[in-house]
Protein backbone atom coordinates (compact mmCIF):
# COMPACT_ATOMS: atom_id res chain seq x y z
CA MET A 1 0.00 0.00 0.00
CA GLU A 2 1.44 3.35 -1.04
CA PHE A 3 1.07 6.38 1.20
CA THR A 4 0.67 9.90 -0.10
CA PRO A 5 2.59 12.76 1.48
CA LYS A 6 -0.59 13.92 3.21
CA GLN A 7 -1.03 10.48 4.76
CA TYR A 8 2.59 10.47 5.98
CA LEU A 9 2.08 13.89 7.53
CA LEU A 10 -1.14 12.78 9.23
CA LEU A 11 0.51 9.59 10.55
CA TYR A 12 3.47 11.62 11.81
CA ALA A 13 1.13 14.10 13.54
CA LEU A 14 -0.82 11.29 15.20
CA ILE A 15 2.35 9.70 16.62
CA VAL A 16 4.53 12.69 17.48
CA THR A 17 1.94 15.15 18.82
CA PRO A 18 0.90 13.01 21.83
CA LEU A 19 4.57 12.42 22.66
CA VAL A 20 5.35 16.13 22.64
CA ILE A 21 2.27 16.94 24.70
CA SER A 22 3.14 14.28 27.26
CA PHE A 23 6.70 15.54 27.46
CA PHE A 24 5.74 19.14 28.19
CA PHE A 25 2.55 18.79 30.20
CA ILE A 26 2.59 15.44 31.96
CA ARG A 27 5.59 15.39 34.26
CA ARG A 28 6.45 12.78 36.79
CA ARG A 29 5.99 13.94 40.34
CA GLN A 30 9.18 13.09 42.18
CA LEU A 31 9.70 13.58 45.86
CA PRO A 32 12.27 16.26 46.58
CA THR A 33 15.45 15.40 48.44
CA LYS A 34 16.32 17.03 51.71
CA LEU A 35 19.63 17.62 53.44
CA ASN A 36 20.18 15.39 56.44
CA PHE A 37 22.40 17.47 58.71
CA LYS A 38 21.82 15.39 61.81
CA ALA A 39 22.75 11.84 62.62
CA ASN A 40 19.78 9.50 63.03
CA ASP A 41 19.71 9.55 66.85
CA GLY A 42 21.12 13.06 67.38
CA GLY A 43 24.68 11.96 68.10
CA ALA A 44 27.51 11.32 65.68
CA LYS A 45 28.43 7.71 65.06
CA PRO A 46 31.67 6.44 63.57
CA GLY A 47 31.37 6.11 59.82
CA VAL A 48 28.17 8.16 59.49
CA VAL A 49 28.69 11.04 57.11
CA VAL A 50 27.00 14.18 58.40
CA GLY A 51 25.54 16.59 55.82
CA THR A 52 24.78 14.14 53.05
CA ILE A 53 21.77 14.26 50.77
CA SER A 54 19.28 11.51 51.45
CA PRO A 55 15.96 10.88 49.73
CA VAL A 56 12.81 11.72 51.67
CA SER A 57 11.00 8.52 50.78
CA SER A 58 13.66 6.04 51.92
CA PRO A 59 16.24 7.23 54.43
CA ARG A 60 19.13 4.79 54.71
CA GLN A 61 21.69 4.42 57.44
CA GLN A 62 25.24 4.29 56.26
CA ILE A 63 27.36 1.36 57.30
CA PRO A 64 30.39 2.34 59.39
CA GLN A 65 33.64 1.46 57.69
CA GLN A 66 36.93 0.70 59.37
CA PRO A 67 39.86 2.81 58.14
CA ARG A 68 42.37 0.92 56.02
CA GLN A 69 45.98 0.66 57.07
CA ASN A 70 47.22 3.12 54.46
CA GLU A 71 44.67 5.75 55.56
CA THR A 72 46.30 6.49 58.91
CA ARG A 73 47.06 10.09 57.96
CA SER A 74 43.43 11.16 57.91
CA MET A 75 41.74 9.99 61.09
CA THR A 76 38.33 10.97 62.41
CA ARG A 77 37.93 11.98 66.03
CA PHE A 78 34.62 12.27 67.85
CA GLN A 79 34.45 14.68 70.77
CA ALA A 80 31.17 15.62 72.48
CA GLY A 81 29.16 14.54 69.44
CA ALA A 82 31.10 16.73 66.98
CA VAL A 83 33.14 15.40 64.10
CA SER A 84 36.57 16.87 63.45
CA GLU A 85 39.20 15.72 61.00
CA ILE A 86 42.90 15.41 61.76
CA ARG A 87 44.91 16.02 58.61
CA PRO A 88 48.53 16.97 58.17
CA ARG A 89 49.04 20.54 57.05
CA SER A 90 50.38 20.94 53.58
CA LYS A 91 52.25 23.98 52.44
CA SER A 92 51.19 25.55 49.17
CA LEU A 93 54.03 26.65 46.94
CA ASN A 94 51.90 28.99 44.86
CA VAL A 95 51.42 32.67 45.63
CA HIS A 96 48.17 34.20 44.43
CA PHE A 97 47.37 37.88 43.97
CA GLN A 98 44.50 39.92 42.54
CA TRP A 99 44.87 41.99 39.38
CA ASN A 100 41.83 43.61 37.74
CA SER A 101 39.53 41.48 39.93
CA HIS A 102 41.06 38.22 38.68
CA PRO A 103 43.24 35.85 40.71
CA TRP A 104 46.71 35.17 39.31
CA ASP A 105 49.59 32.92 40.33
CA ALA A 106 52.64 35.13 40.79
CA TYR A 107 55.16 32.44 39.88
CA GLU A 108 53.27 31.61 36.70
CA VAL A 109 53.13 35.28 35.69
CA LEU A 110 56.89 35.63 36.04
CA GLY A 111 57.47 32.30 34.27
CA ILE A 112 59.31 30.50 37.08
CA PRO A 113 58.50 27.25 38.94
CA ALA A 114 56.35 27.53 42.05
CA GLY A 115 58.31 27.80 45.28
CA CYS A 116 61.41 29.50 43.82
CA SER A 117 63.48 31.74 46.05
CA PRO A 118 62.88 35.51 46.12
CA GLU A 119 66.27 35.95 44.42
CA ALA A 120 65.15 33.84 41.46
CA ALA A 121 61.90 35.84 41.38
CA ALA A 122 63.91 39.08 41.29
CA VAL A 123 65.96 37.82 38.31
CA ALA A 124 62.79 36.76 36.48
CA TYR A 125 61.14 40.11 37.29
CA GLN A 126 64.10 42.07 35.88
CA GLU A 127 64.04 39.89 32.77
CA GLN A 128 60.32 40.51 32.29
CA ILE A 129 60.85 44.27 32.65
CA LYS A 130 63.59 44.23 29.99
CA ASN A 131 61.80 41.99 27.49
CA GLY A 132 58.13 42.54 28.35
CA ASP A 133 55.50 44.92 27.11
CA PRO A 134 55.72 48.39 28.74
CA ASP A 135 51.99 48.27 29.51
CA SER A 136 52.49 45.11 31.58
CA MET A 137 55.12 46.53 33.96
CA LEU A 138 52.64 47.14 36.79
CA PHE A 139 51.30 43.60 36.41
CA PHE A 140 54.77 42.08 36.72
CA LYS A 141 55.55 44.37 39.66
CA ALA A 142 52.40 43.21 41.48
CA ALA A 143 53.42 39.57 40.93
CA TYR A 144 56.94 40.21 42.22
CA GLU A 145 55.65 42.09 45.29
CA ALA A 146 53.24 39.21 46.06
CA ILE A 147 56.18 36.80 46.07
CA LEU A 148 58.15 39.12 48.37
CA LYS A 149 55.24 39.41 50.80
CA ALA A 150 54.83 35.65 50.88
CA SER A 151 58.55 35.14 51.55
CA LEU A 152 58.43 37.61 54.45
CA ARG A 153 55.51 35.75 56.06
CA GLU A 154 57.45 32.47 56.17
């Protein structure tokens, strides 16, 4: 049986139109999720993550997990129902500064590796002044001064 273009258009309209209408007007009603900021019984338990998103319809308790042997650096301590993390402090080698409301890494601006000495930063700054664009001098100066301030704080 051969279809005419009008019949194809009518068949297409009969199939696609209800799908489009159902997509835009008939939406599934899903229960919203809520933030669970409290432990189930009011006190913190080992292994229970506080502040996770849990569905309203089926709250689940999380199973406490024992820390592995290689995870001894990050230990969880429970004091008076509060959770606090013990982590070793890490020192950042980068120095950030603001220029025209944008954050910049001072070492990257001067083209030197992060954590270089102030003397190496001074050499790179002088090189940028000699070879750089005259309009960028204040930018390079701000980067160099940020490195000097960071070295004085240490």
